[in-house]
Amino acid sequence: MPIADAELFGVTDTTATVTFKTVDRDGSLAPMEVQVVARSAAGDHAVTAGFVPSGPAPEDALAHLRIEGLWPETEYSLELTSPDGRAEADPPYLPAAFRTLTTPPGEVVATIATVSDLHYGEEVAGLGPTGNETPQFHAADEQPPYWAVTNAGVIDDINAAGADVVLVKGDITGEGHAHEFALAREDFGRLDAPWHAVLGNHDCMQTGVDGLGLLGQPEEPVREIPTAGCLLVLLETAVPGAAYGALPPGLREQLESVVVGSAGPVLLFGHHHVTRPDKDPASLPGDSPGDSPGDSPGDSKVFGIARDDSSALLELIARHENVRGYSAGHTHRNRLRTFPATRDVPFVEVGATKEYPAAWAHYRIHTGGYLHEVRRASAPPALLWADRTKEMFYGLYRPYAFGSLEARCFTREW
């Protein structure tokens, strides 16, 4: 097929974002024009967008199209057509049909962007428990390295989107070295919006390195960022020398005080994801498939926040209905979960910025709710690197990292 690896990556109330590449008969990248049509199921609305390659280079064969002008709460199909043929539906990547989201109530009052798992300075991507997984990508083989290309592309997209504030949710560096924090801070200096960062487990691998200080960030385990329409709260979940995360009692008490003192809705952000309290550690030692568990307090082994701390966080959120979301990174995948005790509060994991899908999250804050959309870096060089790294771990990385459309894009009312 001349159109390959097509993905319906994002859907909002009025937009759909499609990525794909065009190839010749031997499968090599070959730039060519493609027409994309979003057509309503009722046949009463259609929007056409076109991809015209900007040049003959291989990266010009990778497309990122944002189709605008769709109707909210409407079912559409997608047609991708080139002079040599049409792309076939390929669930879950390119579903036969999709439904646009509901527009959150009220007017738009703010926009937020988040990034995580940037791994500045990382030497090798694709390393797993054995160290022999394929394919692997060595940063020294290309200049600039893959993480520099994708991270820079995401920063450009965030600036183009006009975010009011940017949250960096940890694993900023490859191994927590001072020079890696310097690389990141230099790049973050290109952001038009103010940015705030917390650390991840990769950022705490070196003793004697003050990552927050090197980034110019305060040493506060619970950080309040007032924003029009809601309160943003950053949580420091990293434990030096460990892969798992923690929310010790003192931090939880401080968080609860912040939540109680907020007159409006609260959104929480941290590096580590919440661990399911009911998961059996004996049969499922890691909280995420493909992840190596870290030793956590107590008798369980988890990759996310320690089990007892996760339970306490869920209980805290259950007590306070103004907490309306928790967003993490760490797992390098897109996932959405809810728990019975915490109503419809979404617990989100957003894919890595430094590799496929070169992801970042965009929040559109309304007076009556918010819309969460995971986006991809749109620049051709970033798309090219993401296309290569999606084949990591014997080709299993793409389905793991991609996640469901519902995990990447959803709305919530306050």
Protein backbone atom coordinates (compact mmCIF):
# COMPACT_ATOMS: atom_id res chain seq x y z
CA MET A 1 0.00 0.00 0.00
CA PRO A 2 1.31 3.49 -0.79
CA ILE A 3 -0.11 4.76 2.54
CA ALA A 4 1.40 2.95 5.50
CA ASP A 5 1.13 3.01 9.31
CA ALA A 6 -1.83 5.38 9.24
CA GLU A 7 -3.03 6.40 12.69
CA LEU A 8 -6.00 8.33 13.93
CA PHE A 9 -4.04 9.63 16.88
CA GLY A 10 -6.22 12.35 18.34
CA VAL A 11 -9.86 13.43 18.38
CA THR A 12 -11.39 16.46 20.06
CA ASP A 13 -14.84 17.99 19.79
CA THR A 14 -13.96 19.69 16.49
CA THR A 15 -10.71 18.10 15.24
CA ALA A 16 -9.13 14.80 14.25
CA THR A 17 -5.37 14.28 13.92
CA VAL A 18 -4.08 11.72 11.43
CA THR A 19 -0.48 10.59 10.90
CA PHE A 20 0.85 8.29 8.19
CA LYS A 21 3.72 7.74 5.78
CA THR A 22 3.81 7.18 2.05
CA VAL A 23 5.96 4.43 0.56
CA ASP A 24 6.86 2.93 -2.79
CA ARG A 25 6.45 -0.71 -3.77
CA ASP A 26 9.53 -1.91 -1.87
CA GLY A 27 8.33 -0.21 1.32
CA SER A 28 10.86 2.62 1.34
CA LEU A 29 9.70 6.15 2.10
CA ALA A 30 8.51 7.96 -1.00
CA PRO A 31 6.87 11.41 -0.69
CA MET A 32 3.51 11.67 -2.48
CA GLU A 33 0.30 13.66 -2.13
CA VAL A 34 -2.57 12.25 -0.09
CA GLN A 35 -6.14 13.49 0.34
CA VAL A 36 -7.88 12.88 3.67
CA VAL A 37 -11.65 13.20 4.01
CA ALA A 38 -13.58 13.04 7.28
CA ARG A 39 -17.19 12.21 6.40
CA SER A 40 -20.10 12.13 8.84
CA ALA A 41 -21.99 8.85 9.13
CA ALA A 42 -25.21 10.67 8.24
CA GLY A 43 -23.61 12.02 5.08
CA ASP A 44 -24.46 15.62 5.91
CA HIS A 45 -20.95 16.87 6.66
CA ALA A 46 -17.48 16.31 5.19
CA VAL A 47 -14.13 18.02 5.70
CA THR A 48 -11.22 17.53 3.30
CA ALA A 49 -7.55 18.03 4.13
CA GLY A 50 -4.56 17.47 1.88
CA PHE A 51 -1.00 16.35 2.48
CA VAL A 52 1.52 17.81 0.06
CA PRO A 53 5.15 16.78 0.71
CA SER A 54 7.43 19.73 1.28
CA GLY A 55 10.39 18.08 -0.43
CA PRO A 56 11.97 14.90 -1.77
CA ALA A 57 13.76 13.86 1.44
CA PRO A 58 12.59 10.62 3.14
CA GLU A 59 11.24 12.47 6.17
CA ASP A 60 8.97 14.44 3.83
CA ALA A 61 7.01 11.22 3.31
CA LEU A 62 5.74 11.36 6.91
CA ALA A 63 2.51 13.28 7.39
CA HIS A 64 0.81 14.91 10.35
CA LEU A 65 -2.63 16.32 9.48
CA ARG A 66 -4.96 18.07 11.87
CA ILE A 67 -8.46 18.14 10.39
CA GLU A 68 -10.49 21.05 11.76
CA GLY A 69 -14.10 22.10 11.55
CA LEU A 70 -15.74 18.84 12.64
CA TRP A 71 -19.01 18.80 14.56
CA PRO A 72 -19.07 17.80 18.24
CA GLU A 73 -20.64 14.47 19.22
CA THR A 74 -20.77 13.29 15.61
CA GLU A 75 -19.67 9.98 14.09
CA TYR A 76 -17.23 10.22 11.18
CA SER A 77 -15.31 7.91 8.88
CA LEU A 78 -11.89 8.65 7.38
CA GLU A 79 -10.81 8.20 3.77
CA LEU A 80 -7.08 8.43 2.97
CA THR A 81 -6.43 8.39 -0.77
CA SER A 82 -3.27 8.74 -2.86
CA PRO A 83 -2.85 8.50 -6.64
CA ASP A 84 -1.81 4.86 -6.11
CA GLY A 85 -4.55 3.69 -3.77
CA ARG A 86 -6.50 4.07 -0.56
CA ALA A 87 -5.59 3.18 3.01
CA GLU A 88 -7.65 0.40 4.56
CA ALA A 89 -9.05 0.57 8.09
CA ASP A 90 -6.56 -0.85 10.57
CA PRO A 91 -8.03 -0.97 14.09
CA PRO A 92 -7.01 0.24 16.55
CA TYR A 93 -4.61 2.51 14.69
CA LEU A 94 -7.00 3.62 11.95
CA PRO A 95 -10.57 2.75 13.01
CA ALA A 96 -13.32 2.51 10.44
CA ALA A 97 -15.25 5.19 12.34
CA PHE A 98 -14.82 7.54 15.27
CA ARG A 99 -16.96 9.93 17.29
CA THR A 100 -15.96 13.48 18.14
CA LEU A 101 -15.99 14.48 21.79
CA THR A 102 -18.50 16.52 23.72
CA THR A 103 -17.49 20.15 24.17
CA PRO A 104 -16.92 20.87 27.87
CA PRO A 105 -19.41 23.37 29.33
CA GLY A 106 -18.59 27.05 29.48
CA GLU A 107 -15.96 29.22 27.92
CA VAL A 108 -12.28 28.38 27.44
CA VAL A 109 -10.21 30.05 30.17
CA ALA A 110 -6.78 28.37 29.93
CA THR A 111 -4.68 25.77 28.10
CA ILE A 112 -2.06 23.49 29.66
CA ALA A 113 0.66 21.34 28.10
CA THR A 114 2.48 18.42 29.74
CA VAL A 115 5.55 16.44 28.72
CA SER A 116 7.30 13.50 30.38
CA ASP A 117 10.01 10.92 29.80
CA LEU A 118 12.27 13.15 27.74
CA HIS A 119 15.52 11.37 28.75
CA TYR A 120 17.96 14.13 27.79
CA GLY A 121 21.43 12.64 27.33
CA GLU A 122 20.22 9.05 27.02
CA GLU A 123 22.72 6.86 25.18
CA VAL A 124 20.54 3.92 24.09
CA ALA A 125 16.81 3.48 23.50
CA GLY A 126 15.19 0.06 23.44
CA LEU A 127 17.04 -1.54 26.36
CA GLY A 128 14.97 -4.02 28.36
CA PRO A 129 15.55 -6.50 31.18
CA THR A 130 18.00 -8.63 29.15
CA GLY A 131 19.84 -5.83 27.38
CA ASN A 132 19.58 -7.78 24.12
CA GLU A 133 16.19 -6.55 22.90
CA THR A 134 16.02 -5.33 19.30
CA PRO A 135 16.06 -2.94 17.66
CA GLN A 136 18.12 -0.57 19.78
CA PHE A 137 18.99 3.01 18.92
CA HIS A 138 22.29 4.59 19.93
CA ALA A 139 22.28 8.35 20.32
CA ALA A 140 25.88 8.57 19.15
CA ASP A 141 24.94 7.15 15.75
CA GLU A 142 22.97 10.23 14.71
CA GLN A 143 23.40 13.94 15.20
CA PRO A 144 21.27 15.27 16.67
CA PRO A 145 20.22 12.17 18.66
CA TYR A 146 16.63 10.92 18.57
CA TRP A 147 15.66 12.44 21.94
CA ALA A 148 16.91 15.87 20.90
CA VAL A 149 14.86 15.76 17.70
CA THR A 150 11.59 14.62 19.28
CA ASN A 151 11.87 16.83 22.36
CA ALA A 152 12.62 19.91 20.25
CA GLY A 153 9.69 19.10 17.98
CA VAL A 154 7.31 18.86 20.93
CA ILE A 155 8.53 22.18 22.32
CA ASP A 156 7.85 23.82 18.94
CA ASP A 157 4.34 22.35 18.89
CA ILE A 158 3.60 23.52 22.42
CA ASN A 159 4.66 27.03 21.47
CA ALA A 160 2.50 26.88 18.35
CA ALA A 161 -0.48 25.76 20.44
CA GLY A 162 -0.07 28.77 22.73
CA ALA A 163 -0.15 26.92 26.04
CA ASP A 164 -0.49 29.10 29.13
CA VAL A 165 1.63 26.82 31.32
CA VAL A 166 3.81 23.73 30.75
CA LEU A 167 4.23 20.89 33.27
CA VAL A 168 7.23 18.55 33.00
CA LYS A 169 6.33 15.26 34.70
CA GLY A 170 9.73 13.71 35.30
CA ASP A 171 12.35 11.45 33.71
CA ILE A 172 13.78 14.59 32.25
CA THR A 173 17.23 13.02 32.00
CA GLY A 174 18.67 9.69 30.96
CA GLU A 175 20.63 9.00 34.14
CA GLY A 176 20.38 12.13 36.27
CA HIS A 177 23.74 13.65 35.36
CA ALA A 178 24.30 17.39 35.79
CA HIS A 179 25.08 17.89 32.09
CA GLU A 180 21.77 16.20 31.17
CA PHE A 181 19.82 18.63 33.35
CA ALA A 182 21.73 21.46 31.65
CA LEU A 183 20.66 20.20 28.21
CA ALA A 184 17.03 20.07 29.35
CA ARG A 185 17.03 23.50 30.96
CA GLU A 186 18.48 25.03 27.81
CA ASP A 187 15.73 23.47 25.71
CA PHE A 188 13.00 24.46 28.17
CA GLY A 189 14.24 28.03 27.82
CA ARG A 190 12.68 28.00 24.34
CA LEU A 191 9.18 27.55 25.79
CA ASP A 192 7.04 30.64 25.47
CA ALA A 193 4.98 29.71 28.54
CA PRO A 194 6.23 29.38 32.13
CA TRP A 195 7.22 25.79 32.96
CA HIS A 196 7.30 23.74 36.14
CA ALA A 197 9.03 20.38 36.64
CA VAL A 198 9.12 17.43 39.01
CA LEU A 199 11.63 14.58 38.98
CA GLY A 200 11.27 10.96 37.88
CA ASN A 201 13.22 7.86 38.80
CA HIS A 202 15.78 8.43 36.02
CA ASP A 203 16.48 11.88 37.44
CA CYS A 204 17.46 10.43 40.83
CA MET A 205 20.08 7.91 39.75
CA GLN A 206 23.11 9.97 40.80
CA THR A 207 24.02 10.83 44.38
CA GLY A 208 24.96 14.43 45.05
CA VAL A 209 23.16 15.84 41.99
CA ASP A 210 20.46 18.40 42.80
CA GLY A 211 18.22 18.00 39.79
CA LEU A 212 15.57 20.47 40.88
CA GLY A 213 18.22 23.04 41.72
CA LEU A 214 19.90 22.60 38.34
CA LEU A 215 16.52 23.16 36.70
CA GLY A 216 15.81 26.22 38.85
CA GLN A 217 12.81 24.51 40.46
CA PRO A 218 11.80 24.74 44.14
CA GLU A 219 12.30 21.82 46.53
CA GLU A 220 8.61 21.39 47.27
CA PRO A 221 6.98 17.93 47.33
CA VAL A 222 3.54 19.49 46.72
CA ARG A 223 3.53 22.47 44.39
CA GLU A 224 0.48 24.62 43.67
CA ILE A 225 0.14 26.30 40.28
CA PRO A 226 -2.99 28.47 40.19
CA THR A 227 -4.51 28.56 36.71
CA ALA A 228 -7.67 30.13 35.38
CA GLY A 229 -10.49 27.66 35.90
CA CYS A 230 -8.67 25.21 38.19
CA LEU A 231 -5.72 24.57 40.48
CA LEU A 232 -2.82 22.49 39.16
CA VAL A 233 -0.81 20.50 41.72
CA LEU A 234 2.55 18.90 41.00
CA LEU A 235 3.58 15.96 43.22
CA GLU A 236 7.13 14.70 43.74
CA THR A 237 6.79 10.91 43.61
CA ALA A 238 10.39 9.86 42.88
CA VAL A 239 12.39 7.77 45.35
CA PRO A 240 16.21 8.08 44.94
CA GLY A 241 17.67 4.86 43.61
CA ALA A 242 14.33 3.14 42.98
CA ALA A 243 12.03 2.64 40.01
CA TYR A 244 8.83 2.77 42.07
CA GLY A 245 7.28 5.96 43.43
CA ALA A 246 6.04 7.05 46.84
CA LEU A 247 3.63 9.49 48.46
CA PRO A 248 4.67 9.48 52.13
CA PRO A 249 2.22 10.54 54.87
CA GLY A 250 3.60 14.06 55.17
CA LEU A 251 3.15 14.69 51.47
CA ARG A 252 -0.39 13.32 51.55
CA GLU A 253 -1.29 15.53 54.51
CA GLN A 254 0.04 18.56 52.68
CA LEU A 255 -1.84 17.58 49.54
CA GLU A 256 -5.09 17.15 51.43
CA SER A 257 -4.64 20.58 52.98
CA VAL A 258 -4.20 22.07 49.50
CA VAL A 259 -7.26 20.27 48.15
CA VAL A 260 -9.42 21.33 51.10
CA GLY A 261 -8.24 24.92 50.71
CA SER A 262 -9.08 25.09 47.00
CA ALA A 263 -12.33 26.82 46.16
CA GLY A 264 -12.46 25.18 42.74
CA PRO A 265 -11.47 22.01 40.86
CA VAL A 266 -8.01 20.47 41.24
CA LEU A 267 -5.91 18.50 38.75
CA LEU A 268 -2.98 16.42 40.05
CA PHE A 269 0.23 15.63 38.14
CA GLY A 270 3.21 13.42 39.04
CA HIS A 271 5.73 11.11 37.45
CA HIS A 272 4.54 7.72 38.72
CA HIS A 273 1.17 6.17 38.02
CA VAL A 274 -1.20 4.81 40.66
CA THR A 275 -0.89 1.11 41.44
CA ARG A 276 -4.06 -0.96 41.58
CA PRO A 277 -4.67 -1.81 45.23
CA ASP A 278 -6.26 -5.17 44.38
CA LYS A 279 -3.50 -6.55 42.15
CA ASP A 280 -1.85 -9.75 43.36
CA PRO A 281 1.92 -9.13 43.59
CA ALA A 282 2.66 -12.85 43.54
CA SER A 283 1.09 -13.44 40.14
CA LEU A 284 1.65 -9.99 38.61
CA PRO A 285 4.92 -8.60 40.00
CA GLY A 286 5.01 -5.57 37.71
CA ASP A 287 2.19 -3.05 37.52
CA SER A 288 2.82 -2.54 33.82
CA PRO A 289 3.44 -5.23 31.20
CA GLY A 290 7.04 -5.12 30.04
CA ASP A 291 8.23 -3.04 33.00
CA SER A 292 10.74 -4.15 35.58
CA PRO A 293 9.28 -3.85 39.09
CA GLY A 294 11.16 -1.98 41.79
CA ASP A 295 11.22 -2.91 45.44
CA SER A 296 8.58 -0.93 47.30
CA PRO A 297 7.79 -0.61 50.99
CA GLY A 298 5.87 -3.54 52.42
CA ASP A 299 5.53 -6.94 50.82
CA SER A 300 4.64 -5.90 47.25
CA LYS A 301 6.72 -5.08 44.23
CA VAL A 302 5.38 -2.43 41.91
CA PHE A 303 6.58 -0.13 39.18
CA GLY A 304 4.20 2.71 40.00
CA ILE A 305 3.44 4.41 43.30
CA ALA A 306 3.85 2.01 46.25
CA ARG A 307 0.68 0.04 46.84
CA ASP A 308 -0.16 1.45 50.29
CA ASP A 309 0.55 5.00 49.11
CA SER A 310 -1.61 4.45 46.03
CA SER A 311 -4.46 3.25 48.22
CA ALA A 312 -4.11 6.31 50.44
CA LEU A 313 -4.17 8.62 47.41
CA LEU A 314 -7.31 6.96 46.09
CA GLU A 315 -8.95 7.36 49.51
CA LEU A 316 -7.97 11.04 49.55
CA ILE A 317 -9.46 11.62 46.11
CA ALA A 318 -12.60 9.72 47.11
CA ARG A 319 -13.07 12.15 50.01
CA HIS A 320 -12.76 15.25 47.84
CA GLU A 321 -14.95 15.60 44.78
CA ASN A 322 -13.09 18.69 43.59
CA VAL A 323 -10.11 16.51 42.54
CA ARG A 324 -10.90 15.83 38.87
CA GLY A 325 -7.87 14.04 37.49
CA TYR A 326 -4.40 12.55 38.03
CA SER A 327 -1.87 12.47 35.19
CA ALA A 328 1.44 10.56 35.16
CA GLY A 329 4.19 9.52 32.78
CA HIS A 330 6.76 6.82 33.61
CA THR A 331 5.28 3.88 31.69
CA HIS A 332 5.86 5.36 28.21
CA ARG A 333 2.33 4.47 27.14
CA ASN A 334 -1.11 6.02 26.83
CA ARG A 335 -3.54 4.56 29.34
CA LEU A 336 -6.70 5.69 31.15
CA ARG A 337 -8.15 4.02 34.23
CA THR A 338 -10.91 4.80 36.69
CA PHE A 339 -11.58 3.27 40.09
CA PRO A 340 -15.01 2.64 41.67
CA ALA A 341 -14.22 4.64 44.80
CA THR A 342 -13.11 7.74 42.88
CA ARG A 343 -16.15 8.21 40.62
CA ASP A 344 -15.24 9.13 37.03
CA VAL A 345 -11.88 10.69 37.95
CA PRO A 346 -9.43 9.76 35.16
CA PHE A 347 -6.02 8.33 36.09
CA VAL A 348 -3.95 8.91 33.00
CA GLU A 349 -0.55 7.82 31.73
CA VAL A 350 0.81 9.74 28.76
CA GLY A 351 3.33 8.29 26.30
CA ALA A 352 6.97 9.32 26.15
CA THR A 353 8.12 12.54 24.55
CA LYS A 354 11.56 11.19 23.58
CA GLU A 355 10.44 8.32 21.38
CA TYR A 356 7.34 6.89 19.70
CA PRO A 357 4.84 8.41 19.70
CA ALA A 358 6.77 11.57 20.69
CA ALA A 359 3.79 12.51 22.79
CA TRP A 360 2.63 15.47 24.82
CA ALA A 361 -0.72 16.27 26.37
CA HIS A 362 -2.86 19.34 25.78
CA TYR A 363 -5.56 20.37 28.25
CA ARG A 364 -8.24 22.87 27.26
CA ILE A 365 -9.72 24.25 30.46
CA HIS A 366 -13.32 25.48 30.38
CA THR A 367 -15.32 27.06 33.16
CA GLY A 368 -17.36 23.85 33.36
CA GLY A 369 -14.78 21.14 32.65
CA TYR A 370 -11.79 20.22 30.51
CA LEU A 371 -10.74 18.37 27.38
CA HIS A 372 -7.63 16.16 27.49
CA GLU A 373 -5.88 15.38 24.20
CA VAL A 374 -2.60 13.54 23.67
CA ARG A 375 -0.77 14.90 20.65
CA ARG A 376 2.29 13.87 18.64
CA ALA A 377 5.29 15.92 17.55
CA SER A 378 4.39 17.16 14.09
CA ALA A 379 7.74 18.08 12.49
CA PRO A 380 8.90 15.58 9.83
CA PRO A 381 12.26 14.84 11.55
CA ALA A 382 10.43 14.04 14.80
CA LEU A 383 7.91 11.87 12.96
CA LEU A 384 10.80 10.01 11.33
CA TRP A 385 12.47 9.24 14.65
CA ALA A 386 9.17 8.21 16.20
CA ASP A 387 8.53 5.95 13.22
CA ARG A 388 11.83 4.18 13.83
CA THR A 389 11.50 3.80 17.58
CA LYS A 390 7.98 2.35 17.37
CA GLU A 391 9.60 -0.94 16.34
CA MET A 392 11.48 -1.35 19.63
CA PHE A 393 11.17 -4.51 21.73
CA TYR A 394 10.78 -6.86 18.76
CA GLY A 395 8.06 -4.69 17.24
CA LEU A 396 5.87 -4.84 20.34
CA TYR A 397 6.41 -1.25 21.41
CA ARG A 398 3.90 0.38 19.08
CA PRO A 399 0.79 -1.46 20.37
CA TYR A 400 2.01 -1.04 23.95
CA ALA A 401 2.66 2.71 23.71
CA PHE A 402 -0.21 3.65 21.41
CA GLY A 403 -3.07 2.90 23.80
CA SER A 404 -6.76 3.37 23.09
CA LEU A 405 -8.32 6.47 21.56
CA GLU A 406 -10.39 6.84 24.74
CA ALA A 407 -7.16 6.93 26.77
CA ARG A 408 -5.66 9.65 24.59
CA CYS A 409 -8.67 11.90 24.22
CA PHE A 410 -11.59 12.55 26.55
CA THR A 411 -13.62 15.25 28.29
CA ARG A 412 -14.68 15.68 31.91
CA GLU A 413 -17.03 18.11 33.57
CA TRP A 414 -16.08 19.65 36.88
